Amino acid sequence: MVQIPITLVIALMAIVTALWPGVASWSETSSLHHALTHGLYLLAGALVGLQIAWWTRVTARDNFSSTKDHEVIS
């Protein structure tokens, strides 16, 4: 069973909240509310970026350790 990372779940929830019809009309009332809605998008983008960075780091670490294990010392 594949687990979905919590960062992607929170990012999806932030995007859904920002797209919610109540929030869409709420964001038109003032500049502060509009900025808060953009903050939800910023949070979602940052979380997706952090998750991709984590996957890249883990993949690089695994690739480095697998090449190190097969190294022949003469």
N, C-alpha and C. Protein backbone atom coordinates (compact mmCIF):
# COMPACT_ATOMS: atom_id res chain seq x y z
N MET A 1 0.83 -1.18 0.00
CA MET A 1 0.00 0.00 0.00
C MET A 1 0.88 1.25 0.00
N VAL A 2 0.61 2.13 -0.90
CA VAL A 2 1.39 3.36 -1.01
C VAL A 2 0.78 4.42 -0.12
N GLN A 3 1.62 5.08 0.65
CA GLN A 3 1.14 6.15 1.52
C GLN A 3 1.33 7.50 0.84
N ILE A 4 0.36 8.37 1.01
CA ILE A 4 0.44 9.72 0.45
C ILE A 4 1.10 10.61 1.50
N PRO A 5 2.15 11.34 1.14
CA PRO A 5 2.83 12.21 2.12
C PRO A 5 1.88 13.29 2.66
N ILE A 6 2.01 13.57 3.94
CA ILE A 6 1.14 14.54 4.60
C ILE A 6 1.31 15.94 4.01
N THR A 7 2.51 16.25 3.51
CA THR A 7 2.71 17.58 2.92
C THR A 7 1.84 17.76 1.68
N LEU A 8 1.69 16.70 0.89
CA LEU A 8 0.83 16.81 -0.29
C LEU A 8 -0.64 16.88 0.09
N VAL A 9 -1.02 16.20 1.16
CA VAL A 9 -2.41 16.27 1.62
C VAL A 9 -2.73 17.69 2.10
N ILE A 10 -1.83 18.29 2.87
CA ILE A 10 -2.05 19.65 3.35
C ILE A 10 -2.07 20.63 2.19
N ALA A 11 -1.19 20.44 1.20
CA ALA A 11 -1.17 21.31 0.02
C ALA A 11 -2.49 21.22 -0.73
N LEU A 12 -3.00 20.02 -0.91
CA LEU A 12 -4.27 19.85 -1.60
C LEU A 12 -5.41 20.51 -0.82
N MET A 13 -5.37 20.37 0.50
CA MET A 13 -6.40 21.00 1.32
C MET A 13 -6.32 22.53 1.21
N ALA A 14 -5.12 23.10 1.14
CA ALA A 14 -4.98 24.55 1.00
C ALA A 14 -5.52 25.02 -0.34
N ILE A 15 -5.26 24.26 -1.40
CA ILE A 15 -5.77 24.63 -2.73
C ILE A 15 -7.29 24.53 -2.76
N VAL A 16 -7.84 23.46 -2.20
CA VAL A 16 -9.29 23.30 -2.17
C VAL A 16 -9.93 24.42 -1.36
N THR A 17 -9.31 24.80 -0.25
CA THR A 17 -9.85 25.90 0.57
C THR A 17 -9.81 27.20 -0.20
N ALA A 18 -8.73 27.46 -0.92
CA ALA A 18 -8.62 28.70 -1.69
C ALA A 18 -9.62 28.74 -2.84
N LEU A 19 -9.98 27.58 -3.38
CA LEU A 19 -10.93 27.52 -4.49
C LEU A 19 -12.38 27.43 -4.02
N TRP A 20 -12.60 27.26 -2.73
CA TRP A 20 -13.95 27.13 -2.21
C TRP A 20 -14.76 28.37 -2.57
N PRO A 21 -16.01 28.24 -3.04
CA PRO A 21 -16.79 29.42 -3.47
C PRO A 21 -16.92 30.50 -2.40
N GLY A 22 -17.04 30.10 -1.15
CA GLY A 22 -17.13 31.10 -0.08
C GLY A 22 -15.86 31.91 0.06
N VAL A 23 -14.71 31.24 -0.07
CA VAL A 23 -13.44 31.93 0.04
C VAL A 23 -13.19 32.80 -1.20
N ALA A 24 -13.65 32.32 -2.36
CA ALA A 24 -13.48 33.11 -3.58
C ALA A 24 -14.22 34.44 -3.47
N SER A 25 -15.43 34.43 -2.96
CA SER A 25 -16.17 35.68 -2.81
C SER A 25 -15.62 36.48 -1.63
N TRP A 26 -15.15 35.80 -0.60
CA TRP A 26 -14.55 36.43 0.58
C TRP A 26 -13.29 37.18 0.20
N SER A 27 -12.52 36.64 -0.78
CA SER A 27 -11.26 37.28 -1.15
C SER A 27 -11.46 38.56 -1.95
N GLU A 28 -12.69 38.79 -2.43
CA GLU A 28 -12.97 40.02 -3.17
C GLU A 28 -13.35 41.18 -2.27
N THR A 29 -13.52 40.94 -0.97
CA THR A 29 -14.00 42.00 -0.08
C THR A 29 -12.93 43.02 0.27
N SER A 30 -11.70 42.59 0.45
CA SER A 30 -10.63 43.54 0.80
C SER A 30 -9.28 43.01 0.33
N SER A 31 -8.30 43.90 0.36
CA SER A 31 -6.95 43.49 -0.04
C SER A 31 -6.37 42.48 0.92
N LEU A 32 -6.68 42.61 2.20
CA LEU A 32 -6.16 41.67 3.19
C LEU A 32 -6.70 40.26 2.92
N HIS A 33 -7.98 40.15 2.67
CA HIS A 33 -8.55 38.83 2.38
C HIS A 33 -7.99 38.27 1.08
N HIS A 34 -7.76 39.13 0.10
CA HIS A 34 -7.16 38.68 -1.16
C HIS A 34 -5.74 38.15 -0.91
N ALA A 35 -4.98 38.86 -0.08
CA ALA A 35 -3.62 38.43 0.25
C ALA A 35 -3.63 37.10 1.01
N LEU A 36 -4.60 36.92 1.90
CA LEU A 36 -4.69 35.66 2.64
C LEU A 36 -5.00 34.49 1.71
N THR A 37 -5.83 34.73 0.70
CA THR A 37 -6.11 33.67 -0.27
C THR A 37 -4.85 33.32 -1.06
N HIS A 38 -4.09 34.34 -1.45
CA HIS A 38 -2.82 34.07 -2.12
C HIS A 38 -1.85 33.36 -1.18
N GLY A 39 -1.96 33.63 0.11
CA GLY A 39 -1.13 32.92 1.09
C GLY A 39 -1.42 31.43 1.10
N LEU A 40 -2.68 31.05 0.89
CA LEU A 40 -3.00 29.63 0.80
C LEU A 40 -2.32 28.99 -0.40
N TYR A 41 -2.33 29.70 -1.52
CA TYR A 41 -1.63 29.18 -2.71
C TYR A 41 -0.12 29.10 -2.46
N LEU A 42 0.43 30.09 -1.78
CA LEU A 42 1.86 30.08 -1.46
C LEU A 42 2.20 28.90 -0.56
N LEU A 43 1.37 28.66 0.44
CA LEU A 43 1.58 27.52 1.33
C LEU A 43 1.55 26.21 0.56
N ALA A 44 0.56 26.07 -0.32
CA ALA A 44 0.46 24.84 -1.11
C ALA A 44 1.69 24.65 -1.99
N GLY A 45 2.13 25.70 -2.66
CA GLY A 45 3.31 25.60 -3.52
C GLY A 45 4.57 25.27 -2.73
N ALA A 46 4.71 25.86 -1.57
CA ALA A 46 5.89 25.60 -0.73
C ALA A 46 5.90 24.15 -0.25
N LEU A 47 4.74 23.63 0.13
CA LEU A 47 4.69 22.24 0.59
C LEU A 47 4.99 21.25 -0.53
N VAL A 48 4.49 21.53 -1.72
CA VAL A 48 4.80 20.66 -2.85
C VAL A 48 6.30 20.71 -3.15
N GLY A 49 6.89 21.90 -3.11
CA GLY A 49 8.33 22.04 -3.33
C GLY A 49 9.14 21.31 -2.28
N LEU A 50 8.74 21.40 -1.02
CA LEU A 50 9.44 20.68 0.04
C LEU A 50 9.36 19.17 -0.15
N GLN A 51 8.20 18.68 -0.58
CA GLN A 51 8.05 17.24 -0.79
C GLN A 51 8.93 16.78 -1.95
N ILE A 52 8.99 17.55 -3.02
CA ILE A 52 9.84 17.18 -4.15
C ILE A 52 11.31 17.21 -3.74
N ALA A 53 11.71 18.20 -2.94
CA ALA A 53 13.09 18.25 -2.45
C ALA A 53 13.41 17.04 -1.58
N TRP A 54 12.45 16.63 -0.77
CA TRP A 54 12.66 15.46 0.09
C TRP A 54 12.84 14.21 -0.75
N TRP A 55 11.97 14.02 -1.76
CA TRP A 55 12.09 12.85 -2.63
C TRP A 55 13.43 12.86 -3.36
N THR A 56 13.87 14.01 -3.83
CA THR A 56 15.15 14.11 -4.53
C THR A 56 16.31 13.76 -3.61
N ARG A 57 16.25 14.25 -2.38
CA ARG A 57 17.33 13.97 -1.41
C ARG A 57 17.39 12.48 -1.08
N VAL A 58 16.24 11.88 -0.85
CA VAL A 58 16.20 10.45 -0.51
C VAL A 58 16.70 9.61 -1.69
N THR A 59 16.29 9.97 -2.91
CA THR A 59 16.75 9.24 -4.09
C THR A 59 18.26 9.36 -4.27
N ALA A 60 18.79 10.56 -4.09
CA ALA A 60 20.24 10.75 -4.21
C ALA A 60 20.99 9.96 -3.14
N ARG A 61 20.45 9.96 -1.92
CA ARG A 61 21.10 9.22 -0.83
C ARG A 61 21.09 7.72 -1.12
N ASP A 62 19.96 7.21 -1.62
CA ASP A 62 19.86 5.79 -1.94
C ASP A 62 20.80 5.41 -3.08
N ASN A 63 20.88 6.27 -4.10
CA ASN A 63 21.78 6.00 -5.22
C ASN A 63 23.23 6.01 -4.78
N PHE A 64 23.60 6.95 -3.89
CA PHE A 64 24.97 7.01 -3.40
C PHE A 64 25.31 5.79 -2.57
N SER A 65 24.40 5.37 -1.71
CA SER A 65 24.69 4.21 -0.85
C SER A 65 24.73 2.92 -1.67
N SER A 66 23.93 2.83 -2.74
CA SER A 66 23.95 1.61 -3.53
C SER A 66 25.24 1.50 -4.35
N THR A 67 25.78 2.62 -4.82
CA THR A 67 27.05 2.55 -5.56
C THR A 67 28.20 2.29 -4.60
N LYS A 68 28.12 2.78 -3.39
CA LYS A 68 29.18 2.57 -2.43
C LYS A 68 29.26 1.11 -2.00
N ASP A 69 28.11 0.44 -1.91
CA ASP A 69 28.10 -0.97 -1.52
C ASP A 69 28.76 -1.88 -2.55
N HIS A 70 28.69 -1.52 -3.82
CA HIS A 70 29.22 -2.35 -4.89
C HIS A 70 30.66 -1.98 -5.28
N GLU A 71 31.26 -1.09 -4.54
CA GLU A 71 32.61 -0.65 -4.84
C GLU A 71 33.61 -1.76 -4.53
N VAL A 72 34.55 -1.95 -5.43
CA VAL A 72 35.57 -2.99 -5.27
C VAL A 72 36.87 -2.32 -4.85
N ILE A 73 37.44 -2.81 -3.79
CA ILE A 73 38.71 -2.27 -3.29
C ILE A 73 39.80 -3.31 -3.56
N SER A 74 40.82 -2.90 -4.28
CA SER A 74 41.87 -3.88 -4.63
C SER A 74 43.13 -3.64 -3.86
